[in-house]
C-alpha atoms as a PDB file:
ATOM      1  CA  MET A   1      -0.157  -0.046  -0.110  1.00  0.00           C
ATOM      2  CA  LYS A   2       1.169   3.208  -1.185  1.00  0.00           C
ATOM      3  CA  LEU A   3      -0.050   6.568   0.771  1.00  0.00           C
ATOM      4  CA  ALA A   4       0.223  10.231  -0.496  1.00  0.00           C
ATOM      5  CA  ARG A   5      -0.450  13.596  -0.084  1.00  0.00           C
ATOM      6  CA  TYR A   6      -1.747  15.891  -2.896  1.00  0.00           C
ATOM      7  CA  GLY A   7      -3.013  19.403  -3.299  1.00  0.00           C
ATOM      8  CA  GLU A   8      -2.360  23.091  -2.754  1.00  0.00           C
ATOM      9  CA  ARG A   9       0.172  23.887  -0.071  1.00  0.00           C
ATOM     10  CA  GLY A  10      -1.284  23.672   3.209  1.00  0.00           C
ATOM     11  CA  ALA A  11      -4.461  22.172   2.230  1.00  0.00           C
ATOM     12  CA  GLU A  12      -3.298  18.620   1.235  1.00  0.00           C
ATOM     13  CA  LYS A  13      -5.763  15.909   1.196  1.00  0.00           C
ATOM     14  CA  PRO A  14      -4.925  11.904   2.042  1.00  0.00           C
ATOM     15  CA  ALA A  15      -4.569   9.428  -1.074  1.00  0.00           C
ATOM     16  CA  LEU A  16      -3.865   6.145  -1.838  1.00  0.00           C
ATOM     17  CA  VAL A  17      -1.794   4.771  -4.834  1.00  0.00           C
ATOM     18  CA  ASP A  18      -3.618   1.871  -6.736  1.00  0.00           C
ATOM     19  CA  LYS A  19      -1.917  -1.091  -8.180  1.00  0.00           C
ATOM     20  CA  ASP A  20      -2.008   0.796 -11.595  1.00  0.00           C
ATOM     21  CA  GLY A  21      -0.280   3.905 -10.160  1.00  0.00           C
ATOM     22  CA  ASN A  22      -3.646   6.325 -10.075  1.00  0.00           C
ATOM     23  CA  LEU A  23      -4.121   8.696  -7.014  1.00  0.00           C
ATOM     24  CA  ARG A  24      -7.269   7.799  -4.958  1.00  0.00           C
ATOM     25  CA  ASP A  25      -8.641  10.261  -2.479  1.00  0.00           C
ATOM     26  CA  LEU A  26      -8.963   8.795   0.788  1.00  0.00           C
ATOM     27  CA  SER A  27     -10.239  12.104   2.477  1.00  0.00           C
ATOM     28  CA  ALA A  28     -13.952   9.948   3.279  1.00  0.00           C
ATOM     29  CA  HIS A  29     -11.815   7.893   5.566  1.00  0.00           C
ATOM     30  CA  VAL A  30      -8.987   9.805   6.915  1.00  0.00           C
ATOM     31  CA  SER A  31      -8.238  13.665   7.545  1.00  0.00           C
ATOM     32  CA  ASP A  32      -4.279  13.390   6.848  1.00  0.00           C
ATOM     33  CA  ILE A  33      -1.516  10.893   6.547  1.00  0.00           C
ATOM     34  CA  ALA A  34       0.132  11.775   9.949  1.00  0.00           C
ATOM     35  CA  GLY A  35       0.303  11.167  13.341  1.00  0.00           C
ATOM     36  CA  GLU A  36      -2.642   8.750  14.860  1.00  0.00           C
ATOM     37  CA  ILE A  37      -3.437   7.606  10.974  1.00  0.00           C
ATOM     38  CA  LEU A  38       0.322   5.999  10.720  1.00  0.00           C
ATOM     39  CA  THR A  39      -0.771   4.033  13.637  1.00  0.00           C
ATOM     40  CA  ARG A  40      -4.182   2.454  11.874  1.00  0.00           C
ATOM     41  CA  LEU A  41      -2.457   1.016   8.683  1.00  0.00           C
ATOM     42  CA  ASP A  42      -4.335  -1.986   9.318  1.00  0.00           C
ATOM     43  CA  ASP A  43      -7.691  -0.066   8.886  1.00  0.00           C
ATOM     44  CA  LEU A  44      -6.513   1.446   5.736  1.00  0.00           C
ATOM     45  CA  LYS A  45      -5.395  -1.884   4.311  1.00  0.00           C
ATOM     46  CA  SER A  46      -9.149  -3.353   4.591  1.00  0.00           C
ATOM     47  CA  ILE A  47     -10.164  -0.464   1.863  1.00  0.00           C
ATOM     48  CA  ASP A  48     -10.608  -1.544  -1.694  1.00  0.00           C
ATOM     49  CA  PRO A  49      -8.841   0.844  -3.690  1.00  0.00           C
ATOM     50  CA  GLU A  50     -11.285   0.693  -6.624  1.00  0.00           C
ATOM     51  CA  THR A  51     -13.885   2.003  -4.277  1.00  0.00           C
ATOM     52  CA  LEU A  52     -12.115   5.331  -3.751  1.00  0.00           C
ATOM     53  CA  PRO A  53     -12.561   8.257  -6.059  1.00  0.00           C
ATOM     54  CA  LEU A  54      -9.985   8.664  -8.823  1.00  0.00           C
ATOM     55  CA  ILE A  55      -8.085  11.935  -8.489  1.00  0.00           C
ATOM     56  CA  SER A  56      -8.058  13.461 -12.040  1.00  0.00           C
ATOM     57  CA  GLY A  57      -4.933  15.684 -13.676  1.00  0.00           C
ATOM     58  CA  LYS A  58      -1.538  16.000 -12.042  1.00  0.00           C
ATOM     59  CA  PRO A  59      -2.008  17.502  -8.820  1.00  0.00           C
ATOM     60  CA  ARG A  60       0.721  18.680  -6.690  1.00  0.00           C
ATOM     61  CA  LEU A  61       1.889  15.896  -4.134  1.00  0.00           C
ATOM     62  CA  GLY A  62       3.026  17.104  -0.609  1.00  0.00           C
ATOM     63  CA  ALA A  63       5.243  15.895   1.855  1.00  0.00           C
ATOM     64  CA  TYR A  64       4.494  13.388   4.718  1.00  0.00           C
ATOM     65  CA  GLY A  65       3.679  14.423   7.960  1.00  0.00           C
ATOM     66  CA  GLY A  66       1.021  16.987   7.769  1.00  0.00           C
ATOM     67  CA  ARG A  67      -0.339  18.155  11.057  1.00  0.00           C
END
């Protein structure tokens, strides 16, 4: 499982990279890829990436850490 953050600086959203390399929006499941979320990786593994919204275009990728 590959996780990412995308969007404008300071307003990044969480994403998952699917098996085809597409970004999928995780914001309905977690608020950010940082802190306590990283201790709940098993919860994220249970999500089927194909059910997540596909992120179109080439959004800016943000650094890990967030808030």
